[in-house]
Amino acid sequence: MIGVRDHIRLPAGVELTPEGLRDDVRGETFAVNETARALLVGADGRGTAELAELLVARFGIASEAALVDARSFCRALNERFLLNVDALTATRRRRHVDTSTVLAALISTARALAGRAAAVGSLAAAVTFVLLAGLGAPMLGPPLALGAALALSLVLHEGGHAAALRGVPCCVCLAGVAVLLLHRPLPGRRRVLVAVSGPLTAGAAGLAALAVAAAFQLEELGPAALVLLSHVAALTVAGRDGRVACGLS
């Protein structure tokens, strides 16, 4: 739910043009009416209450009606990843990813997912530590390794997709606990390559971690390597990437 003090912004790659709201990632332009245009002009970090004031001043409508319209409009665009909302509540956000090179794609993905990866890794580390403590083995190494592996696997998975999208505009989208990469439609073989690149990137890192664990007898690295390797399961029809690769979605 979007609050009256939540700040509204157009995400990178989305701009208001004379023709309408242009999304460079999708490669589409969405028509907007005069009321929507007035709201989008003010989508520069202002709150929905401030946007409602624009409607009152421009069209002379009642304040309460203007606030309802502003919040409904922002929620509709946010659900389509066309508007970012700076809020503590569960809203959808998108962040631009630079796909000019493989390295740029990985770095941009890491930045876009930094907060989510840190939260996932910290939670996993805390839960693992509590479980080990309950078993009488309150060791810090394994929980930290597992938490780091979960955070890294998230970045590598989505970063692998982004790297395969070299030259294609894309962005990381966050919707609650879900993470997805938004980009324009791709031809058959390129679509399959992008789909399999995420799980394979994380899986390759898992194999490397297993090799290091075996070579240097680092037992605590084993579970972390398995976390990375588990992403290969996404290549089956049970995973979204596998269904895309098989042409099922």
Protein backbone atom coordinates (compact mmCIF):
# COMPACT_ATOMS: atom_id res chain seq x y z
CA MET A 1 0.00 0.00 0.00
CA ILE A 2 1.41 3.40 -0.99
CA GLY A 3 1.31 5.95 1.84
CA VAL A 4 0.80 9.71 1.59
CA ARG A 5 4.44 10.37 2.57
CA ASP A 6 6.02 7.79 0.26
CA HIS A 7 8.25 9.37 -2.33
CA ILE A 8 7.57 8.74 -6.02
CA ARG A 9 10.20 8.64 -8.76
CA LEU A 10 10.47 7.55 -12.36
CA PRO A 11 13.06 4.75 -12.54
CA ALA A 12 16.10 4.96 -14.80
CA GLY A 13 15.07 4.05 -18.33
CA VAL A 14 11.57 5.48 -17.97
CA GLU A 15 10.86 9.05 -19.09
CA LEU A 16 7.91 11.26 -19.91
CA THR A 17 7.93 12.28 -23.58
CA PRO A 18 5.47 14.25 -25.74
CA GLU A 19 4.16 10.89 -27.01
CA GLY A 20 3.66 9.38 -23.55
CA LEU A 21 5.56 7.40 -20.91
CA ARG A 22 8.56 5.82 -22.63
CA ASP A 23 10.11 2.62 -21.23
CA ASP A 24 13.49 2.03 -22.90
CA VAL A 25 13.82 -1.44 -21.36
CA ARG A 26 10.54 -2.73 -22.80
CA GLY A 27 10.93 -0.61 -25.93
CA GLU A 28 7.39 0.68 -25.54
CA THR A 29 5.63 4.00 -25.09
CA PHE A 30 2.43 4.12 -23.04
CA ALA A 31 -0.17 6.78 -23.79
CA VAL A 32 -1.08 9.07 -20.87
CA ASN A 33 -3.90 11.57 -20.46
CA GLU A 34 -3.62 15.12 -19.12
CA THR A 35 -4.18 14.10 -15.50
CA ALA A 36 -1.55 11.35 -15.66
CA ARG A 37 0.92 13.72 -17.29
CA ALA A 38 0.45 16.24 -14.49
CA LEU A 39 1.24 13.54 -11.93
CA LEU A 40 4.24 12.19 -13.82
CA VAL A 41 5.78 15.66 -14.14
CA GLY A 42 5.81 15.76 -10.35
CA ALA A 43 7.25 12.24 -9.95
CA ASP A 44 10.68 13.56 -8.97
CA GLY A 45 10.83 12.45 -5.35
CA ARG A 46 7.70 14.16 -4.10
CA GLY A 47 5.17 12.42 -1.90
CA THR A 48 1.72 11.36 -3.07
CA ALA A 49 0.19 14.13 -0.95
CA GLU A 50 2.24 16.68 -2.91
CA LEU A 51 1.17 15.08 -6.18
CA ALA A 52 -2.45 15.36 -5.07
CA GLU A 53 -1.91 19.09 -4.48
CA LEU A 54 -0.81 19.40 -8.10
CA LEU A 55 -4.15 17.94 -9.20
CA VAL A 56 -6.06 20.30 -6.93
CA ALA A 57 -4.18 23.32 -8.27
CA ARG A 58 -4.39 22.20 -11.91
CA PHE A 59 -7.92 20.82 -12.16
CA GLY A 60 -9.66 22.23 -9.09
CA ILE A 61 -10.86 18.88 -7.76
CA ALA A 62 -11.46 18.11 -4.08
CA SER A 63 -8.36 17.32 -1.99
CA GLU A 64 -9.59 13.90 -0.84
CA ALA A 65 -10.51 12.82 -4.36
CA ALA A 66 -7.16 14.07 -5.65
CA LEU A 67 -5.27 12.03 -3.04
CA VAL A 68 -7.22 8.88 -3.88
CA ASP A 69 -6.56 9.39 -7.60
CA ALA A 70 -2.85 10.07 -7.05
CA ARG A 71 -2.32 6.99 -4.88
CA SER A 72 -4.32 4.73 -7.21
CA PHE A 73 -2.39 5.97 -10.25
CA CYS A 74 0.99 5.50 -8.54
CA ARG A 75 0.04 2.02 -7.35
CA ALA A 76 -1.02 0.99 -10.89
CA LEU A 77 2.26 2.16 -12.41
CA ASN A 78 4.29 0.65 -9.57
CA GLU A 79 2.68 -2.75 -10.21
CA ARG A 80 3.94 -2.55 -13.81
CA PHE A 81 7.45 -1.46 -12.73
CA LEU A 82 6.99 1.93 -14.36
CA LEU A 83 7.29 3.91 -11.13
CA ASN A 84 9.53 3.50 -8.09
CA VAL A 85 8.24 4.13 -4.58
CA ASP A 86 10.60 4.94 -1.72
CA ALA A 87 8.70 3.20 1.06
CA LEU A 88 9.15 0.70 3.88
CA THR A 89 6.02 -1.13 2.76
CA ALA A 90 6.18 -3.91 0.14
CA THR A 91 6.28 -2.13 -3.22
CA ARG A 92 7.82 -2.96 -6.54
CA ARG A 93 11.11 -1.35 -7.54
CA ARG A 94 13.34 -1.51 -10.57
CA ARG A 95 16.98 -0.59 -10.96
CA HIS A 96 18.88 -0.14 -14.20
CA VAL A 97 21.59 -2.65 -15.14
CA ASP A 98 24.45 -1.72 -17.47
CA THR A 99 24.86 -4.55 -19.99
CA SER A 100 27.56 -2.93 -22.12
CA THR A 101 30.08 -5.57 -20.99
CA VAL A 102 30.03 -8.74 -18.91
CA LEU A 103 31.88 -7.02 -16.06
CA ALA A 104 29.57 -4.00 -16.13
CA ALA A 105 26.53 -6.30 -16.01
CA LEU A 106 27.88 -8.18 -12.98
CA ILE A 107 28.80 -4.98 -11.13
CA SER A 108 25.46 -3.30 -11.88
CA THR A 109 23.55 -6.39 -10.78
CA ALA A 110 25.53 -6.55 -7.55
CA ARG A 111 24.72 -2.92 -6.81
CA ALA A 112 21.05 -3.37 -7.63
CA LEU A 113 20.78 -6.44 -5.39
CA ALA A 114 23.12 -5.30 -2.62
CA GLY A 115 20.38 -4.66 -0.08
CA ARG A 116 18.41 -7.80 -0.92
CA ALA A 117 21.52 -10.01 -0.96
CA ALA A 118 22.71 -8.62 2.38
CA ALA A 119 19.30 -9.25 3.97
CA VAL A 120 19.10 -12.81 2.62
CA GLY A 121 22.65 -13.63 3.68
CA SER A 122 22.26 -12.14 7.16
CA LEU A 123 19.00 -13.98 7.79
CA ALA A 124 20.46 -17.29 6.63
CA ALA A 125 23.55 -16.81 8.78
CA ALA A 126 21.47 -15.97 11.85
CA VAL A 127 19.14 -18.96 11.41
CA THR A 128 22.08 -21.34 10.86
CA PHE A 129 23.88 -20.02 13.93
CA VAL A 130 20.78 -20.52 16.09
CA LEU A 131 20.35 -24.08 14.80
CA LEU A 132 23.98 -24.95 15.41
CA ALA A 133 23.83 -23.41 18.87
CA GLY A 134 20.81 -25.57 19.63
CA LEU A 135 22.86 -28.61 18.67
CA GLY A 136 25.63 -27.54 21.02
CA ALA A 137 28.00 -26.31 18.29
CA PRO A 138 27.80 -22.48 18.24
CA MET A 139 30.47 -22.06 15.55
CA LEU A 140 30.58 -18.79 13.60
CA GLY A 141 32.37 -19.99 10.46
CA PRO A 142 29.70 -22.23 8.85
CA PRO A 143 26.81 -19.73 9.33
CA LEU A 144 28.84 -16.92 7.81
CA ALA A 145 29.91 -19.11 4.89
CA LEU A 146 26.34 -20.21 4.23
CA GLY A 147 24.98 -16.67 4.46
CA ALA A 148 27.66 -15.36 2.11
CA ALA A 149 26.95 -18.19 -0.33
CA LEU A 150 23.23 -17.38 -0.45
CA ALA A 151 23.93 -13.69 -1.03
CA LEU A 152 26.55 -14.46 -3.68
CA SER A 153 24.35 -17.01 -5.44
CA LEU A 154 21.58 -14.43 -5.82
CA VAL A 155 23.96 -11.92 -7.38
CA LEU A 156 25.67 -14.47 -9.65
CA HIS A 157 22.36 -15.95 -10.86
CA GLU A 158 20.85 -12.62 -11.90
CA GLY A 159 24.25 -11.29 -12.95
CA GLY A 160 24.65 -14.26 -15.30
CA HIS A 161 21.34 -13.41 -16.95
CA ALA A 162 22.38 -9.76 -17.26
CA ALA A 163 25.78 -10.64 -18.74
CA ALA A 164 24.07 -12.73 -21.44
CA LEU A 165 21.93 -9.68 -22.27
CA ARG A 166 24.97 -7.76 -23.49
CA GLY A 167 23.80 -4.69 -25.38
CA VAL A 168 20.12 -5.24 -24.51
CA PRO A 169 18.53 -2.72 -22.10
CA CYS A 170 17.45 -4.42 -18.86
CA CYS A 171 16.78 -3.77 -15.21
CA VAL A 172 16.54 -5.73 -11.97
CA CYS A 173 13.00 -5.71 -10.57
CA LEU A 174 12.20 -6.39 -6.92
CA ALA A 175 8.66 -7.45 -6.02
CA GLY A 176 8.35 -8.51 -2.41
CA VAL A 177 10.66 -11.51 -2.03
CA ALA A 178 10.80 -12.11 -5.79
CA VAL A 179 13.64 -10.95 -8.04
CA LEU A 180 13.39 -10.83 -11.82
CA LEU A 181 15.20 -9.32 -14.77
CA LEU A 182 13.06 -7.20 -17.08
CA HIS A 183 14.05 -6.87 -20.74
CA ARG A 184 12.46 -6.69 -24.16
CA PRO A 185 11.51 -9.87 -26.09
CA LEU A 186 14.44 -11.83 -27.55
CA PRO A 187 14.74 -14.22 -30.51
CA GLY A 188 14.70 -17.97 -29.79
CA ARG A 189 18.37 -18.89 -29.33
CA ARG A 190 19.23 -15.67 -27.48
CA ARG A 191 16.25 -16.22 -25.18
CA VAL A 192 17.49 -19.71 -24.30
CA LEU A 193 21.04 -18.45 -23.73
CA VAL A 194 19.83 -15.76 -21.33
CA ALA A 195 17.63 -18.26 -19.48
CA VAL A 196 20.38 -20.84 -18.85
CA SER A 197 23.18 -18.35 -18.13
CA GLY A 198 21.93 -17.49 -14.63
CA PRO A 199 21.80 -21.01 -13.16
CA LEU A 200 25.01 -22.01 -14.96
CA THR A 201 26.93 -19.01 -13.61
CA ALA A 202 25.97 -19.81 -10.02
CA GLY A 203 26.57 -23.53 -10.62
CA ALA A 204 30.04 -22.89 -12.03
CA ALA A 205 30.90 -20.89 -8.92
CA GLY A 206 29.68 -23.83 -6.84
CA LEU A 207 31.98 -26.25 -8.65
CA ALA A 208 34.91 -23.88 -8.12
CA ALA A 209 34.08 -23.64 -4.40
CA LEU A 210 33.94 -27.44 -4.13
CA ALA A 211 37.34 -27.72 -5.80
CA VAL A 212 38.83 -25.19 -3.37
CA ALA A 213 37.21 -26.97 -0.40
CA ALA A 214 38.69 -30.29 -1.50
CA ALA A 215 42.12 -28.89 -2.30
CA PHE A 216 42.55 -27.04 0.99
CA GLN A 217 40.37 -29.32 3.17
CA LEU A 218 37.94 -26.51 4.05
CA GLU A 219 34.98 -28.49 5.31
CA GLU A 220 32.93 -25.40 6.17
CA LEU A 221 33.02 -24.40 2.50
CA GLY A 222 31.19 -27.57 1.41
CA PRO A 223 27.62 -26.48 2.35
CA ALA A 224 28.24 -23.06 0.81
CA ALA A 225 29.34 -24.70 -2.44
CA LEU A 226 26.19 -26.83 -2.46
CA VAL A 227 24.05 -23.69 -2.13
CA LEU A 228 25.65 -22.33 -5.30
CA LEU A 229 25.31 -25.68 -7.08
CA SER A 230 21.63 -25.90 -6.16
CA HIS A 231 20.85 -23.15 -8.68
CA VAL A 232 21.36 -25.68 -11.47
CA ALA A 233 17.99 -27.12 -10.44
CA ALA A 234 16.45 -24.00 -11.98
CA LEU A 235 17.27 -25.50 -15.40
CA THR A 236 14.54 -28.10 -14.92
CA VAL A 237 10.89 -27.48 -15.78
CA ALA A 238 10.32 -26.83 -12.08
CA GLY A 239 12.24 -23.55 -12.45
CA ARG A 240 11.26 -20.45 -14.40
CA ASP A 241 14.57 -20.45 -16.29
CA GLY A 242 14.12 -24.09 -17.28
CA ARG A 243 10.61 -23.47 -18.58
CA VAL A 244 11.83 -20.52 -20.63
CA ALA A 245 14.72 -22.57 -22.06
CA CYS A 246 12.28 -25.34 -23.01
CA GLY A 247 9.85 -22.88 -24.60
CA LEU A 248 7.16 -23.59 -22.01
CA SER A 249 6.78 -19.97 -20.90
